[in-house]
Amino acid sequence: MIAQKFKLLHQLDNKLLHSAASYCKIACFLINAFGKRLNADVGIYEQIVDHMISKRNYDNTLVTEVETQKVKSIKITF
């Protein structure tokens, strides 16, 4: 949704990757400040909350994968 509204994020060049987090924060701020609120989930709040509660005790497999493959130790230069 964010990339559809902001072309810069949709066509992000490799030279801008180091600033991608900042661009996303700015885009999210603009959407929150000036965008329309979504009302699609109005009738199913309880189902959403129940689903989130059921998922909170799941293991984070991404953390395990990062630690085992030592992804943190990979250095990327810009």
Protein backbone atom coordinates (compact mmCIF):
# COMPACT_ATOMS: atom_id res chain seq x y z
CA MET A 1 0.00 0.00 0.00
CA ILE A 2 2.76 2.45 0.88
CA ALA A 3 4.75 1.77 -2.29
CA GLN A 4 1.62 2.25 -4.39
CA LYS A 5 1.11 5.75 -3.00
CA PHE A 6 4.77 6.81 -3.08
CA LYS A 7 6.59 6.08 -6.33
CA LEU A 8 9.99 6.64 -4.71
CA LEU A 9 9.44 3.61 -2.46
CA HIS A 10 8.07 1.49 -5.31
CA GLN A 11 11.09 2.09 -7.53
CA LEU A 12 13.77 2.28 -4.85
CA ASP A 13 17.23 2.38 -6.38
CA ASN A 14 20.12 0.50 -4.74
CA LYS A 15 21.82 3.82 -4.00
CA LEU A 16 18.88 4.80 -1.77
CA LEU A 17 18.73 1.57 0.28
CA HIS A 18 20.63 3.09 3.20
CA SER A 19 17.84 5.70 3.51
CA ALA A 20 14.91 3.33 2.89
CA ALA A 21 13.89 3.16 6.56
CA SER A 22 13.75 6.95 6.79
CA TYR A 23 11.67 7.19 3.62
CA CYS A 24 9.25 4.57 4.94
CA LYS A 25 8.88 6.42 8.24
CA ILE A 26 8.13 9.67 6.42
CA ALA A 27 5.60 7.95 4.14
CA CYS A 28 3.86 6.28 7.11
CA PHE A 29 3.72 9.60 8.95
CA LEU A 30 2.10 11.27 5.94
CA ILE A 31 -0.44 8.47 5.58
CA ASN A 32 -1.29 8.58 9.30
CA ALA A 33 -1.56 12.37 9.32
CA PHE A 34 -3.46 12.96 6.10
CA GLY A 35 -4.72 9.59 4.84
CA LYS A 36 -8.17 8.10 5.09
CA ARG A 37 -8.84 5.71 7.95
CA LEU A 38 -9.65 2.13 6.96
CA ASN A 39 -12.97 0.77 8.12
CA ALA A 40 -12.77 -2.65 6.47
CA ASP A 41 -12.26 -4.55 9.76
CA VAL A 42 -14.98 -2.86 11.80
CA GLY A 43 -17.13 -5.98 12.29
CA ILE A 44 -14.36 -8.48 13.02
CA TYR A 45 -12.31 -6.89 15.81
CA GLU A 46 -12.75 -9.86 18.13
CA GLN A 47 -11.58 -12.33 15.48
CA ILE A 48 -8.49 -10.24 14.80
CA VAL A 49 -7.64 -9.96 18.51
CA ASP A 50 -8.16 -13.71 19.03
CA HIS A 51 -5.91 -14.46 16.06
CA MET A 52 -3.18 -12.15 17.37
CA ILE A 53 -3.37 -13.70 20.85
CA SER A 54 -3.09 -17.21 19.40
CA LYS A 55 0.07 -16.22 17.47
CA ARG A 56 1.94 -14.53 20.31
CA ASN A 57 3.54 -17.73 21.64
CA TYR A 58 4.89 -18.94 18.30
CA ASP A 59 8.65 -19.20 17.89
CA ASN A 60 10.34 -16.57 15.76
CA THR A 61 12.03 -18.72 13.14
CA LEU A 62 13.60 -15.72 11.43
CA VAL A 63 15.75 -15.01 14.50
CA THR A 64 16.97 -18.61 14.51
CA GLU A 65 17.78 -18.47 10.81
CA VAL A 66 19.71 -15.20 11.18
CA GLU A 67 21.72 -16.57 14.10
CA THR A 68 22.54 -19.91 12.46
CA GLN A 69 23.55 -18.41 9.11
CA LYS A 70 25.41 -15.52 10.77
CA VAL A 71 23.60 -12.96 8.64
CA LYS A 72 24.53 -10.26 11.13
CA SER A 73 28.21 -10.68 10.29
CA ILE A 74 27.74 -9.96 6.58
CA LYS A 75 29.04 -6.51 5.72
CA ILE A 76 27.47 -4.52 2.93
CA THR A 77 29.20 -1.43 1.60
CA PHE A 78 27.45 1.39 -0.20
